PDB file of N, CA and C in Angstrom:
ATOM      1  N   UNK A   1       0.810  -1.212   0.012  1.00  0.00           N
ATOM      2  CA  UNK A   1      -0.014  -0.009  -0.014  1.00  0.00           C
ATOM      3  C   UNK A   1       0.873   1.266   0.026  1.00  0.00           C
ATOM      4  N   UNK A   2       1.934   1.273   0.788  1.00  0.00           N
ATOM      5  CA  UNK A   2       2.821   2.393   0.860  1.00  0.00           C
ATOM      6  C   UNK A   2       3.557   2.613  -0.444  1.00  0.00           C
ATOM      7  N   UNK A   3       3.866   1.521  -1.125  1.00  0.00           N
ATOM      8  CA  UNK A   3       4.538   1.623  -2.426  1.00  0.00           C
ATOM      9  C   UNK A   3       3.643   2.244  -3.455  1.00  0.00           C
ATOM     10  N   UNK A   4       2.350   1.920  -3.436  1.00  0.00           N
ATOM     11  CA  UNK A   4       1.381   2.466  -4.369  1.00  0.00           C
ATOM     12  C   UNK A   4       1.230   3.978  -4.160  1.00  0.00           C
ATOM     13  N   UNK A   5       1.188   4.388  -2.920  1.00  0.00           N
ATOM     14  CA  UNK A   5       1.077   5.832  -2.593  1.00  0.00           C
ATOM     15  C   UNK A   5       2.373   6.522  -3.070  1.00  0.00           C
ATOM     16  N   UNK A   6       3.521   5.929  -2.910  1.00  0.00           N
ATOM     17  CA  UNK A   6       4.760   6.517  -3.339  1.00  0.00           C
ATOM     18  C   UNK A   6       4.782   6.683  -4.833  1.00  0.00           C
ATOM     19  N   UNK A   7       4.345   5.656  -5.589  1.00  0.00           N
ATOM     20  CA  UNK A   7       4.372   5.702  -7.047  1.00  0.00           C
ATOM     21  C   UNK A   7       3.406   6.768  -7.578  1.00  0.00           C
ATOM     22  N   UNK A   8       2.215   6.857  -6.971  1.00  0.00           N
ATOM     23  CA  UNK A   8       1.273   7.874  -7.382  1.00  0.00           C
ATOM     24  C   UNK A   8       1.770   9.271  -7.083  1.00  0.00           C
ATOM     25  N   UNK A   9       2.390   9.467  -5.922  1.00  0.00           N
ATOM     26  CA  UNK A   9       2.979  10.779  -5.592  1.00  0.00           C
ATOM     27  C   UNK A   9       4.124  11.121  -6.536  1.00  0.00           C
ATOM     28  N   UNK A  10       4.944  10.133  -6.871  1.00  0.00           N
ATOM     29  CA  UNK A  10       6.056  10.350  -7.764  1.00  0.00           C
ATOM     30  C   UNK A  10       5.568  10.766  -9.168  1.00  0.00           C
ATOM     31  N   UNK A  11       4.543  10.066  -9.655  1.00  0.00           N
ATOM     32  CA  UNK A  11       3.983  10.405 -10.945  1.00  0.00           C
ATOM     33  C   UNK A  11       3.367  11.777 -10.953  1.00  0.00           C
ATOM     34  N   UNK A  12       2.712  12.155  -9.838  1.00  0.00           N
ATOM     35  CA  UNK A  12       2.148  13.487  -9.771  1.00  0.00           C
ATOM     36  C   UNK A  12       3.177  14.575  -9.788  1.00  0.00           C
ATOM     37  N   UNK A  13       4.296  14.387  -9.050  1.00  0.00           N
ATOM     38  CA  UNK A  13       5.389  15.364  -9.019  1.00  0.00           C
ATOM     39  C   UNK A  13       6.063  15.443 -10.416  1.00  0.00           C
ATOM     40  N   UNK A  14       6.255  14.271 -10.992  1.00  0.00           N
ATOM     41  CA  UNK A  14       6.870  14.286 -12.329  1.00  0.00           C
ATOM     42  C   UNK A  14       5.970  14.996 -13.347  1.00  0.00           C
ATOM     43  N   UNK A  15       4.681  14.764 -13.324  1.00  0.00           N
ATOM     44  CA  UNK A  15       3.786  15.437 -14.241  1.00  0.00           C
ATOM     45  C   UNK A  15       3.763  16.956 -14.020  1.00  0.00           C
ATOM     46  N   UNK A  16       3.754  17.340 -12.749  1.00  0.00           N
ATOM     47  CA  UNK A  16       3.794  18.771 -12.463  1.00  0.00           C
ATOM     48  C   UNK A  16       5.080  19.448 -12.942  1.00  0.00           C
ATOM     49  N   UNK A  17       6.201  18.752 -12.776  1.00  0.00           N
ATOM     50  CA  UNK A  17       7.476  19.274 -13.211  1.00  0.00           C
ATOM     51  C   UNK A  17       7.542  19.403 -14.728  1.00  0.00           C
ATOM     52  N   UNK A  18       6.966  18.403 -15.439  1.00  0.00           N
ATOM     53  CA  UNK A  18       6.934  18.477 -16.897  1.00  0.00           C
ATOM     54  C   UNK A  18       6.036  19.614 -17.380  1.00  0.00           C
ATOM     55  N   UNK A  19       4.942  19.848 -16.733  1.00  0.00           N
ATOM     56  CA  UNK A  19       4.071  20.965 -17.081  1.00  0.00           C
ATOM     57  C   UNK A  19       4.760  22.304 -16.848  1.00  0.00           C
ATOM     58  N   UNK A  20       5.512  22.419 -15.756  1.00  0.00           N
ATOM     59  CA  UNK A  20       6.214  23.646 -15.470  1.00  0.00           C
ATOM     60  C   UNK A  20       7.298  23.897 -16.519  1.00  0.00           C
ATOM     61  N   UNK A  21       8.013  22.823 -16.867  1.00  0.00           N
ATOM     62  CA  UNK A  21       9.065  22.978 -17.881  1.00  0.00           C
ATOM     63  C   UNK A  21       8.485  23.367 -19.272  1.00  0.00           C
ATOM     64  N   UNK A  22       7.333  22.783 -19.544  1.00  0.00           N
ATOM     65  CA  UNK A  22       6.724  23.079 -20.840  1.00  0.00           C
ATOM     66  C   UNK A  22       6.243  24.537 -20.900  1.00  0.00           C
ATOM     67  N   UNK A  23       5.700  25.048 -19.793  1.00  0.00           N
ATOM     68  CA  UNK A  23       5.174  26.401 -19.779  1.00  0.00           C
ATOM     69  C   UNK A  23       6.281  27.442 -19.585  1.00  0.00           C
ATOM     70  N   UNK A  24       7.482  26.988 -19.195  1.00  0.00           N
ATOM     71  CA  UNK A  24       8.593  27.910 -18.962  1.00  0.00           C
ATOM     72  C   UNK A  24       9.432  28.169 -20.220  1.00  0.00           C
ATOM     73  N   UNK A  25       9.141  27.475 -21.296  1.00  0.00           N
ATOM     74  CA  UNK A  25       9.906  27.680 -22.477  1.00  0.00           C
ATOM     75  C   UNK A  25       9.684  29.125 -23.019  1.00  0.00           C
ATOM     76  N   UNK A  26      10.680  29.650 -23.665  1.00  0.00           N
ATOM     77  CA  UNK A  26      10.510  30.993 -24.201  1.00  0.00           C
ATOM     78  C   UNK A  26       9.490  31.041 -25.304  1.00  0.00           C
ATOM     79  N   UNK A  27       8.666  32.059 -25.306  1.00  0.00           N
ATOM     80  CA  UNK A  27       7.640  32.122 -26.393  1.00  0.00           C
ATOM     81  C   UNK A  27       8.302  32.438 -27.716  1.00  0.00           C
ATOM     82  N   UNK A  28       7.727  31.902 -28.769  1.00  0.00           N
ATOM     83  CA  UNK A  28       8.255  32.113 -30.122  1.00  0.00           C
ATOM     84  C   UNK A  28       7.790  33.472 -30.575  1.00  0.00           C
ATOM     85  N   UNK A  29       8.731  34.280 -31.027  1.00  0.00           N
ATOM     86  CA  UNK A  29       8.408  35.631 -31.496  1.00  0.00           C
ATOM     87  C   UNK A  29       7.844  35.493 -32.891  1.00  0.00           C
ATOM     88  N   UNK A  30       6.709  36.099 -33.207  1.00  0.00           N
ATOM     89  CA  UNK A  30       6.145  36.020 -34.536  1.00  0.00           C
ATOM     90  C   UNK A  30       7.085  36.569 -35.589  1.00  0.00           C
ATOM     91  N   UNK A  31       6.948  36.089 -36.827  1.00  0.00           N
ATOM     92  CA  UNK A  31       7.871  36.508 -37.910  1.00  0.00           C
ATOM     93  C   UNK A  31       7.662  37.978 -38.303  1.00  0.00           C
ATOM     94  N   UNK A  32       6.474  38.521 -38.082  1.00  0.00           N
ATOM     95  CA  UNK A  32       6.209  39.918 -38.507  1.00  0.00           C
ATOM     96  C   UNK A  32       6.778  40.904 -37.516  1.00  0.00           C
ATOM     97  N   UNK A  33       7.287  40.486 -36.350  1.00  0.00           N
ATOM     98  CA  UNK A  33       7.892  41.371 -35.380  1.00  0.00           C
ATOM     99  C   UNK A  33       9.357  41.565 -35.673  1.00  0.00           C
ATOM    100  N   UNK A  34       9.747  42.732 -35.947  1.00  0.00           N
ATOM    101  CA  UNK A  34      11.186  43.052 -36.227  1.00  0.00           C
ATOM    102  C   UNK A  34      11.778  43.879 -35.147  1.00  0.00           C
ATOM    103  N   UNK A  35      13.091  43.712 -34.936  1.00  0.00           N
ATOM    104  CA  UNK A  35      13.754  44.488 -33.922  1.00  0.00           C
ATOM    105  C   UNK A  35      13.909  45.925 -34.402  1.00  0.00           C
ATOM    106  N   UNK A  36      13.703  46.846 -33.468  1.00  0.00           N
ATOM    107  CA  UNK A  36      13.817  48.259 -33.767  1.00  0.00           C
ATOM    108  C   UNK A  36      15.233  48.725 -33.360  1.00  0.00           C
ATOM    109  N   UNK A  37      15.886  49.539 -34.217  1.00  0.00           N
ATOM    110  CA  UNK A  37      17.217  50.067 -33.858  1.00  0.00           C
ATOM    111  C   UNK A  37      17.127  51.123 -32.754  1.00  0.00           C
ATOM    112  N   UNK A  38      18.118  51.235 -31.983  1.00  0.00           N
ATOM    113  CA  UNK A  38      18.169  52.320 -30.998  1.00  0.00           C
ATOM    114  C   UNK A  38      18.340  53.640 -31.746  1.00  0.00           C
ATOM    115  N   UNK A  39      17.873  54.689 -31.087  1.00  0.00           N
ATOM    116  CA  UNK A  39      17.953  56.020 -31.756  1.00  0.00           C
ATOM    117  C   UNK A  39      19.394  56.482 -31.851  1.00  0.00           C
ATOM    118  N   UNK A  40      20.308  55.957 -31.010  1.00  0.00           N
ATOM    119  CA  UNK A  40      21.699  56.407 -31.026  1.00  0.00           C
ATOM    120  C   UNK A  40      22.572  55.591 -31.942  1.00  0.00           C
ATOM    121  N   UNK A  41      22.004  54.653 -32.687  1.00  0.00           N
ATOM    122  CA  UNK A  41      22.790  53.778 -33.534  1.00  0.00           C
ATOM    123  C   UNK A  41      23.551  54.513 -34.625  1.00  0.00           C
ATOM    124  N   UNK A  42      22.971  55.581 -35.166  1.00  0.00           N
ATOM    125  CA  UNK A  42      23.641  56.279 -36.270  1.00  0.00           C
ATOM    126  C   UNK A  42      24.697  57.243 -35.797  1.00  0.00           C
ATOM    127  N   UNK A  43      24.669  57.607 -34.523  1.00  0.00           N
ATOM    128  CA  UNK A  43      25.640  58.570 -33.997  1.00  0.00           C
ATOM    129  C   UNK A  43      26.853  57.877 -33.494  1.00  0.00           C
ATOM    130  N   UNK A  44      28.037  58.314 -33.910  1.00  0.00           N
ATOM    131  CA  UNK A  44      29.294  57.741 -33.432  1.00  0.00           C
ATOM    132  C   UNK A  44      30.036  58.782 -32.615  1.00  0.00           C
ATOM    133  N   UNK A  45      29.382  59.412 -31.625  1.00  0.00           N
ATOM    134  CA  UNK A  45      29.997  60.476 -30.820  1.00  0.00           C
ATOM    135  C   UNK A  45      30.710  59.904 -29.606  1.00  0.00           C
ATOM    136  N   UNK A  46      30.808  58.634 -29.401  1.00  0.00           N
ATOM    137  CA  UNK A  46      31.365  58.012 -28.212  1.00  0.00           C
ATOM    138  C   UNK A  46      32.880  57.938 -28.218  1.00  0.00           C
ATOM    139  N   UNK A  47      33.543  58.117 -29.353  1.00  0.00           N
ATOM    140  CA  UNK A  47      35.013  58.017 -29.330  1.00  0.00           C
ATOM    141  C   UNK A  47      35.658  59.301 -29.651  1.00  0.00           C
TER     142      UNK A  47
END
C-alpha cells in the first residue's frame, strides 16, 4: 500500500514538473515582429 502511494505521488510530481518545464519555454516571437534600432545607432559620438 505504501509503495502504491509513493508511485502515485512520484507520478504526480513528475507530471507537475513536466508541465512547469513546458510552460517555462521562451515564447516564439512572430515573424512579422522586427527588432527596432536604437535612436543612437547612427551617431558615433562616443570616441
